Protein backbone atom coordinates (compact mmCIF):
# COMPACT_ATOMS: atom_id res chain seq x y z
CA MET A 1 5.24 206.63 85.15
CA LYS A 2 2.89 209.55 85.77
CA PRO A 3 1.08 210.69 88.93
CA ARG A 4 -2.56 209.60 89.11
CA ASN A 5 -3.91 212.18 91.54
CA LEU A 6 -3.09 215.50 93.16
CA GLU A 7 -1.25 213.99 96.12
CA GLU A 8 1.00 211.91 93.87
CA SER A 9 1.64 214.97 91.69
CA VAL A 10 2.69 217.09 94.68
CA ILE A 11 5.01 214.35 95.96
CA TYR A 12 6.47 213.46 92.54
CA TYR A 13 7.15 217.00 91.32
CA GLY A 14 8.19 218.07 94.79
CA ILE A 15 11.01 215.52 94.64
CA VAL A 16 11.89 215.93 90.95
CA GLY A 17 12.04 219.71 91.43
CA THR A 18 14.59 219.41 94.27
CA TYR A 19 17.23 221.44 92.45
CA VAL A 20 14.70 224.03 91.28
CA TRP A 21 13.60 224.71 94.85
CA PHE A 22 17.24 224.67 95.97
CA PHE A 23 18.35 227.34 93.49
CA LEU A 24 15.38 229.43 94.61
CA GLY A 25 16.57 229.06 98.22
CA ALA A 26 13.13 227.73 99.11
CA PRO A 27 13.31 224.08 100.37
CA PHE A 28 13.39 224.86 104.10
CA LEU A 29 10.33 227.09 103.81
CA LEU A 30 8.52 225.28 101.00
CA VAL A 31 8.60 221.66 102.18
CA GLY A 32 6.86 222.27 105.49
CA VAL A 33 4.25 224.67 104.08
CA ALA A 34 3.43 222.38 101.13
CA GLY A 35 3.25 219.34 103.43
CA TRP A 36 0.78 220.87 105.86
CA ILE A 37 -1.39 222.25 103.04
CA LEU A 38 -1.40 218.85 101.33
CA LEU A 39 -2.37 217.12 104.57
CA GLY A 40 -5.23 219.58 105.07
CA TYR A 41 -6.48 218.91 101.54
CA LEU A 42 -6.26 215.13 102.01
CA LEU A 43 -8.11 215.20 105.33
CA LEU A 44 -10.89 217.29 103.81
CA LYS A 45 -11.04 215.08 100.73
CA HIS A 46 -11.15 211.72 102.49
CA PHE A 47 -12.83 212.44 105.81
CA PHE A 48 -14.99 215.58 105.50
CA TRP A 49 -15.88 216.11 101.82
CA LYS A 50 -15.60 212.52 100.64
CA ASP A 51 -19.08 212.60 99.06
CA LEU A 52 -17.81 215.19 96.56
CA PHE A 53 -15.20 212.79 95.15
CA ASP A 54 -15.46 209.65 93.08
CA THR A 55 -15.29 206.79 95.58
CA GLU A 56 -13.89 204.39 92.97
CA GLU A 57 -10.87 206.63 92.36
CA SER A 58 -10.62 207.51 96.05
CA PRO A 59 -11.10 204.30 98.04
CA PRO A 60 -11.28 204.55 101.83
CA VAL A 61 -8.11 205.61 103.62
CA THR A 62 -6.90 203.69 106.64
CA ILE A 63 -4.25 205.06 108.96
CA PRO A 64 -2.26 202.23 110.57
CA THR A 65 -1.32 202.04 114.22
CA GLY A 66 2.34 202.72 113.42
CA VAL A 67 1.55 206.13 111.95
CA TRP A 68 -0.70 206.99 114.90
CA VAL A 69 2.27 206.18 117.13
CA TRP A 70 4.30 208.84 115.30
CA VAL A 71 1.43 211.34 115.54
CA VAL A 72 1.07 210.79 119.29
CA ALA A 73 4.86 210.91 119.79
CA SER A 74 5.09 214.24 117.97
CA LEU A 75 2.22 215.63 120.05
CA ILE A 76 3.96 214.54 123.25
CA ILE A 77 7.09 216.36 122.05
CA LEU A 78 4.88 219.39 121.36
CA LEU A 79 3.54 219.16 124.93
CA ALA A 80 7.10 219.04 126.27
CA LEU A 81 7.95 222.09 124.15
CA MET A 82 5.00 224.08 125.49
CA VAL A 83 5.67 223.08 129.11
CA GLY A 84 9.33 224.01 128.74
CA LEU A 85 8.39 227.41 127.30
CA LEU A 86 5.87 228.07 130.05
CA LYS A 87 8.58 227.31 132.60
CA LEU A 88 10.55 230.10 130.89
CA ASP A 89 7.54 232.43 131.31
CA ALA A 90 7.08 232.69 127.56
CA ASN A 91 4.23 234.95 126.40
CA LEU A 92 1.57 234.04 123.81
CA VAL A 93 3.55 235.46 120.89
CA ARG A 94 6.59 233.38 121.74
CA LEU A 95 4.43 230.28 122.19
CA VAL A 96 2.92 230.72 118.72
CA LYS A 97 6.30 231.37 117.10
CA SER A 98 7.80 228.33 118.77
CA PHE A 99 4.84 226.19 117.71
CA ILE A 100 5.46 227.18 114.09
CA ASN A 101 9.26 227.14 114.08
CA ASN A 102 10.03 224.39 116.57
CA TYR A 103 7.19 222.02 115.84
CA MET A 104 5.41 222.52 112.52
CA ARG A 105 8.71 222.83 110.65
CA THR A 106 10.69 220.26 112.63
CA TRP A 107 9.23 217.57 114.91
CA GLY A 108 5.80 217.83 113.34
CA LEU A 109 7.23 216.78 109.96
CA LEU A 110 8.27 213.41 111.42
CA ALA A 111 4.57 212.59 111.77
CA LEU A 112 3.23 214.71 108.90
CA PHE A 113 4.92 212.91 106.01
CA PRO A 114 4.27 209.34 107.24
CA LEU A 115 0.64 210.42 107.59
CA ILE A 116 0.63 211.70 104.00
CA GLY A 117 2.12 208.36 102.94
CA CYS A 118 -1.07 206.63 104.16
CA PHE A 119 -3.10 208.24 101.40
CA HIS A 120 -3.20 207.07 97.79
CA ILE A 121 0.49 207.39 96.95
CA ARG A 122 2.26 204.55 95.16
CA PRO A 123 5.81 203.82 96.32
CA GLN A 124 6.86 203.58 92.65
CA ILE A 125 6.29 207.34 92.42
CA LEU A 126 8.99 207.86 95.06
CA TYR A 127 11.36 205.35 93.44
CA ARG A 128 11.13 207.00 90.04
CA ALA A 129 11.33 210.57 91.36
CA VAL A 130 14.57 210.08 93.31
CA CYS A 131 16.13 208.44 90.25
CA TRP A 132 15.41 211.59 88.24
CA VAL A 133 17.01 213.64 91.00
CA ALA A 134 20.08 211.40 90.62
CA VAL A 135 20.12 212.10 86.86
CA GLN A 136 20.12 215.84 87.63
CA SER A 137 22.93 215.34 90.15
CA LEU A 138 25.05 213.74 87.40
CA ILE A 139 24.74 217.02 85.52
CA VAL A 140 25.26 219.33 88.51
CA VAL A 141 28.27 217.60 90.12
CA PRO A 142 30.71 218.11 87.18
CA PHE A 143 29.87 221.82 87.22
CA CYS A 144 30.63 221.86 90.94
CA TYR A 145 34.13 220.55 90.33
CA ILE A 146 34.63 223.05 87.50
CA LEU A 147 33.70 225.84 89.91
CA MET A 148 36.01 224.37 92.56
CA ASN A 149 38.97 224.41 90.18
CA ALA A 150 38.06 227.93 89.14
CA GLY A 151 38.23 229.03 92.78
CA VAL A 152 34.60 230.11 93.00
CA GLU A 153 33.61 230.52 96.64
CA MET A 154 30.33 229.32 98.06
CA PRO A 155 27.58 230.15 98.73
CA LEU A 156 26.80 231.73 95.39
CA TYR A 157 24.02 233.77 96.97
CA THR A 158 21.54 233.79 99.84
CA VAL A 159 17.85 234.49 99.30
CA GLY A 160 17.52 237.15 101.97
CA ILE A 161 13.79 237.78 101.61
CA LEU A 162 13.00 234.12 102.33
CA ALA A 163 15.39 234.18 105.28
CA LYS A 164 13.43 237.11 106.74
CA ILE A 165 10.12 235.32 106.19
CA GLY A 166 11.22 231.86 107.31
CA GLY A 167 13.66 232.71 110.08
CA PHE A 168 16.37 230.36 111.37
CA SER A 169 19.95 230.57 110.11
CA ASP A 170 20.76 232.09 106.72
CA ARG A 171 22.52 228.85 105.75
CA TYR A 172 19.10 227.25 105.15
CA TYR A 173 18.47 229.78 102.38
CA ALA A 174 22.00 229.85 100.96
CA VAL A 175 22.73 228.38 97.54
CA GLY A 176 26.12 226.74 98.03
CA MET A 177 26.93 223.38 96.49
CA TYR A 178 30.22 222.68 98.24
CA PHE A 179 32.65 224.03 100.82
CA GLN A 180 36.30 223.69 101.68
CA ASP A 181 37.08 221.85 104.91
CA GLY A 182 38.93 224.22 107.21
CA VAL A 183 41.11 221.44 108.65
CA SER A 184 41.96 219.17 105.72
CA GLY A 185 41.53 221.75 102.98
CA ALA A 186 39.57 219.23 100.90
CA TYR A 187 36.35 220.16 99.14
CA ARG A 188 33.14 218.50 100.29
CA LEU A 189 29.90 218.46 98.32
CA THR A 190 26.68 219.71 99.90
CA LEU A 191 24.53 220.24 96.76
CA TYR A 192 20.88 220.77 97.80
CA ALA A 193 21.54 220.06 101.51
CA PRO A 194 22.63 222.66 104.07
CA TRP A 195 25.86 220.79 104.97
CA ALA A 196 27.84 217.74 103.81
CA PRO A 197 26.58 215.07 106.29
CA ALA A 198 23.02 216.15 105.47
CA LEU A 199 23.72 215.41 101.81
CA ALA A 200 25.02 211.96 102.79
CA PHE A 201 21.87 211.41 104.88
CA SER A 202 19.58 212.33 102.01
CA SER A 203 21.64 210.35 99.48
CA ILE A 204 21.45 207.14 101.55
CA VAL A 205 17.66 207.57 101.80
CA HIS A 206 17.45 208.17 98.02
CA LEU A 207 19.68 205.17 97.39
CA TRP A 208 17.31 202.80 99.18
CA LEU A 209 14.35 204.24 97.32
CA ALA A 210 16.15 203.89 93.99
CA TYR A 211 17.11 200.31 94.85
CA TYR A 212 13.51 199.18 94.27
CA GLU A 213 12.98 201.04 90.96
CA LYS A 214 11.94 198.62 88.17
CA ASN A 215 13.60 200.50 85.30
CA GLN A 216 17.10 199.01 85.46
CA VAL A 217 18.86 201.97 83.81
CA LEU A 218 17.32 204.51 86.20
CA ARG A 219 17.78 202.10 89.10
CA TRP A 220 21.53 201.83 88.64
CA ILE A 221 21.87 205.54 87.98
CA GLY A 222 20.08 206.17 91.27
CA ILE A 223 22.16 203.68 93.23
CA ILE A 224 25.58 204.59 91.85
CA THR A 225 25.02 208.35 91.81
CA ASN A 226 23.79 208.49 95.39
CA ALA A 227 26.69 206.29 96.54
CA LEU A 228 29.10 208.70 94.82
CA LEU A 229 27.42 211.67 96.50
CA VAL A 230 28.02 210.04 99.87
CA VAL A 231 31.70 209.60 98.99
CA CYS A 232 32.01 213.18 97.72
CA SER A 233 30.40 214.52 100.88
CA SER A 234 33.19 212.85 102.93
CA SER A 235 30.69 211.98 105.64
CA ARG A 236 32.13 209.29 107.89
CA LEU A 237 28.69 208.16 109.00
CA GLY A 238 27.50 208.09 105.40
CA LEU A 239 30.43 205.94 104.31
CA LEU A 240 29.81 203.59 107.23
CA CYS A 241 26.15 203.25 106.18
CA LEU A 242 27.21 202.39 102.62
CA ILE A 243 29.12 199.41 104.01
CA VAL A 244 26.95 198.26 106.91
CA LEU A 245 23.37 198.76 105.68
CA PRO A 246 23.56 196.40 102.65
CA ILE A 247 24.85 193.68 104.99
CA ALA A 248 22.12 194.50 107.50
CA ARG A 249 19.51 194.25 104.76
CA LEU A 250 20.61 190.72 103.85
CA GLY A 251 20.25 189.57 107.42
CA LEU A 252 17.17 191.49 108.55
CA THR A 253 15.01 190.70 105.51
CA ASN A 254 15.74 186.95 105.55
CA LEU A 255 15.00 186.06 109.15
CA THR A 256 12.49 183.36 108.17
CA ARG A 257 14.88 181.51 105.87
CA PRO A 258 16.48 178.44 107.46
CA VAL A 259 19.91 179.14 105.94
CA TRP A 260 19.97 182.60 107.51
CA LEU A 261 18.77 181.27 110.85
CA ALA A 262 21.62 178.75 110.76
CA ALA A 263 24.07 181.51 109.85
CA ALA A 264 22.76 183.63 112.74
CA SER A 265 23.31 180.70 115.12
CA VAL A 266 26.89 180.27 113.94
CA GLY A 267 27.42 184.02 114.20
CA THR A 268 26.07 184.12 117.74
CA PHE A 269 28.40 181.28 118.72
CA ALA A 270 31.37 183.10 117.14
CA VAL A 271 30.51 186.32 118.99
CA GLY A 272 30.47 184.43 122.27
CA LEU A 273 33.73 182.68 121.45
CA PHE A 274 35.62 185.74 120.28
CA GLY A 275 33.67 188.38 122.22
CA PHE A 276 36.68 190.09 123.79
CA ARG A 277 38.51 190.40 120.47
CA ILE A 278 35.38 191.72 118.79
CA ILE A 279 34.90 194.36 121.50
CA THR A 280 38.55 195.37 121.15
CA ALA A 281 38.20 195.59 117.37
CA ILE A 282 35.10 197.76 117.73
CA GLY A 283 36.95 200.06 120.13
CA ASN A 284 39.88 200.33 117.72
CA PHE A 285 37.52 201.08 114.85
CA LYS A 286 35.79 203.82 116.85
CA ALA A 287 39.16 205.38 117.66
CA PHE A 288 40.11 205.24 113.98
CA PHE A 289 36.69 206.62 113.01
CA ASP A 290 37.06 209.58 115.37
CA SER A 291 40.64 210.26 114.29
CA GLN A 292 39.62 210.77 110.65
CA ARG A 293 38.09 214.11 111.57
CA SER A 294 39.27 214.62 115.11
CA THR A 295 38.19 218.27 115.36
CA SER A 296 34.60 217.37 114.50
CA SER A 297 34.61 214.42 116.92
CA GLU A 298 35.94 216.59 119.74
CA LEU A 299 33.28 219.25 119.07
CA ARG A 300 30.50 216.66 119.12
CA ASP A 301 31.88 215.22 122.35
CA VAL A 302 31.91 218.65 123.99
CA LEU A 303 28.34 219.35 122.84
CA ALA A 304 27.19 215.98 124.16
CA ARG A 305 28.78 216.45 127.57
CA ILE A 306 27.39 219.96 127.97
CA ALA A 307 23.91 218.81 126.88
CA LEU A 308 23.95 215.97 129.41
CA TYR A 309 25.17 218.24 132.20
CA ARG A 310 22.59 220.95 131.42
CA TRP A 311 19.79 218.37 131.03
CA GLN A 312 19.99 217.68 134.78
CA GLU A 313 18.67 221.21 135.37
CA SER A 314 15.30 220.18 133.86
CA PRO A 315 15.28 216.40 133.44
CA ILE A 316 11.53 215.77 132.90
CA TRP A 317 10.46 218.43 130.37
CA GLY A 318 13.80 219.81 129.19
CA HIS A 319 14.76 223.36 128.23
CA ALA A 320 12.29 223.64 125.31
CA LEU A 321 14.82 225.18 122.88
CA LYS A 322 18.43 224.70 121.92
CA ASP A 323 20.72 227.06 123.80
CA GLU A 324 23.26 229.39 122.25
CA GLY A 325 26.76 227.98 122.08
CA SER A 326 30.00 229.63 123.13
CA GLU A 327 33.55 229.72 121.87
CA LEU A 328 34.04 226.35 123.56
CA THR A 329 31.45 224.78 121.19
CA ASN A 330 32.58 226.82 118.18
CA PHE A 331 29.30 228.74 118.70
CA MET A 332 27.27 225.64 117.80
CA PRO A 333 23.98 225.47 119.76
CA ILE A 334 23.73 223.20 122.78
CA GLY A 335 21.48 220.32 121.71
CA SER A 336 22.71 220.19 118.13
CA HIS A 337 24.73 217.54 116.24
CA HIS A 338 22.99 214.62 117.96
CA THR A 339 19.28 213.77 118.04
CA TRP A 340 19.30 211.93 121.36
CA PHE A 341 21.37 214.39 123.36
CA GLY A 342 19.44 217.16 121.62
CA ILE A 343 15.96 215.92 122.50
CA LEU A 344 17.06 215.04 126.03
CA PHE A 345 18.27 218.63 126.47
CA THR A 346 15.29 220.33 124.79
CA HIS A 347 12.39 218.02 125.69
CA GLY A 348 13.67 215.95 128.58
CA ILE A 349 12.74 212.40 129.46
CA VAL A 350 9.19 212.92 128.18
CA GLY A 351 10.24 213.79 124.62
CA THR A 352 13.03 211.22 124.54
CA ALA A 353 10.69 208.42 125.63
CA ALA A 354 8.15 209.40 122.96
CA LEU A 355 10.71 209.35 120.14
CA THR A 356 12.26 206.10 121.41
CA PHE A 357 8.91 204.32 121.49
CA ALA A 358 7.97 205.54 117.99
CA ILE A 359 11.23 204.31 116.48
CA ALA A 360 11.16 201.00 118.38
CA TYR A 361 7.55 200.28 117.37
CA THR A 362 8.27 201.13 113.73
CA LEU A 363 11.39 198.95 113.71
CA ILE A 364 9.53 195.89 115.00
CA ASP A 365 6.56 196.50 112.69
CA LEU A 366 8.67 196.89 109.54
CA LEU A 367 11.02 194.06 110.51
CA ILE A 368 8.09 191.63 110.53
CA LYS A 369 6.61 192.95 107.28
CA ALA A 370 9.97 193.07 105.50
CA GLN A 371 10.12 189.27 105.44
CA VAL A 372 7.49 189.21 102.68
CA SER A 373 7.12 192.79 101.40
CA LYS A 374 9.57 194.76 99.28
CA ILE A 375 7.73 197.94 100.20
CA ALA A 376 8.36 197.24 103.87
CA GLN A 377 11.98 196.38 103.04
CA SER A 378 12.48 199.82 101.51
CA ALA A 379 10.85 201.50 104.51
CA LEU A 380 12.95 199.39 106.90
CA MET A 381 16.21 200.44 105.24
CA ILE A 382 15.16 204.08 105.43
CA LEU A 383 14.34 203.66 109.12
CA LEU A 384 17.77 202.12 109.74
CA THR A 385 19.33 205.09 107.92
CA ILE A 386 17.36 207.49 110.11
CA MET A 387 18.45 205.61 113.22
CA ALA A 388 22.10 205.69 112.16
CA PHE A 389 22.12 209.42 111.42
CA SER A 390 20.27 210.20 114.64
CA PHE A 391 23.65 209.76 116.36
CA GLY A 392 25.29 212.46 114.25
CA GLU A 393 22.53 214.84 113.17
CA ASN A 394 19.28 216.33 114.46
CA LEU A 395 16.51 214.38 112.73
CA GLU A 396 13.93 217.12 113.23
CA THR A 397 16.11 219.83 111.72
CA LEU A 398 16.83 217.89 108.51
CA ALA A 399 13.33 216.45 108.00
CA TYR A 400 12.81 218.87 105.11
CA VAL A 401 15.79 217.29 103.31
CA TYR A 402 15.00 213.56 103.68
CA TRP A 403 11.19 213.93 103.66
CA PRO A 404 10.67 211.42 100.78
CA GLY A 405 11.95 208.75 103.16
CA LEU A 406 9.36 209.80 105.75
CA VAL A 407 6.59 209.41 103.18
CA MET A 408 7.97 205.92 102.45
CA LEU A 409 7.79 205.10 106.16
CA GLY A 410 4.06 205.81 106.07
CA ILE A 411 3.61 203.62 102.99
CA GLY A 412 5.58 200.82 104.65
CA LEU A 413 3.61 201.03 107.88
CA LYS A 414 0.42 200.72 105.83
CA GLU A 415 1.50 197.29 104.55
CA LYS A 416 -0.36 194.27 105.95
CA ASN A 417 1.25 192.36 108.80
CA TRP A 418 1.54 188.80 107.49
CA LEU A 419 1.73 187.34 111.00
CA VAL A 420 -1.70 188.79 111.77
CA ALA A 421 -3.24 188.42 108.30
CA GLY A 422 -2.03 184.84 107.92
CA TYR A 423 0.05 185.43 104.79
CA PRO A 424 2.36 182.57 103.78
CA THR A 425 5.95 183.06 104.88
CA VAL A 426 7.39 183.40 101.40
CA HIS A 427 9.81 186.00 100.14
CA PRO A 428 8.91 188.46 97.38
CA LYS A 429 10.44 187.78 93.98
């Protein structure tokens, strides 16, 4: 499968070249810049200079309501950012820097890539590209374990010049494929991601893209390799997603089938009958889950409590930016390690409401479409992954890592709604 146009080429080779950009230390800087340039080109091509292009090869582009919801939500978050900065008496220079660093390279990407997905990009391009990344991972991972056994410390190097240009922490420009856990002493893979849970996040997204690849050899390489990367990252949330999301897919994509409706009825009755035991079991599981890496759980709990307490100082618009941490938080910023506590702290009720509405609308939209569309099914599973990791990571910070999934969201939102269009309620084969 080959790209048919410039936008497909940028997306395809952008994904396939993941390890190339990683070893150059460039993903954090490159993904955002390339995305905004590509969007500018596409807007000019399809809305301003469309007479210069062959209309047969470039049919009209329609942007669905779901993508506009994300665009508006990101702009509301931008408004909250600007208001928060003005409350801090920020000057023009700081406003511009924050617009670039804290919007165009973070929250803005959550709307940018779904918007790009509305243009002429086939989902098969994404499926095939992530499978080739999985093939490369099969080559890279053995070398990682050889380096581990040889005692080679990570990162191998940091691209300092890009760190000066791009800003943020040096870890975003560091080439380190694993690290040794300070508590357990075990090695955890990070590969092209900045930290281990981020690798698990990206791998789950890649897994659900690879799941719909038609080439069976590449498909199974993509599925198995990404599942192994989640295991090797030792991410608790990633491992939980490996177990729960396939079960969720079976239920959520078969809601119109009588057998599943009957099963849901029986399940609802069982929940009511054994509700107390189920709640107790969930509580026990959470305690077990937290105990597996108690230091990390305690740190996240401290960050959450501080973020909630500090949020009350500016509940409507928030504090604009994450605050520096102290020894109590292991010097992790206040507002990190959790999307919802983070956005509540930085962008207040306004930003939190915008993100909540965007995710809720997208969930309902894709849930309806997923009953008849495999494309919507893929997008739905990616959305569920994003929702799951929002409780352990900052979605905006890692958008440059899982961006192929955001493009897939745009493609999924572009699918026709069969309830409105009158499509028969049949399942895709």
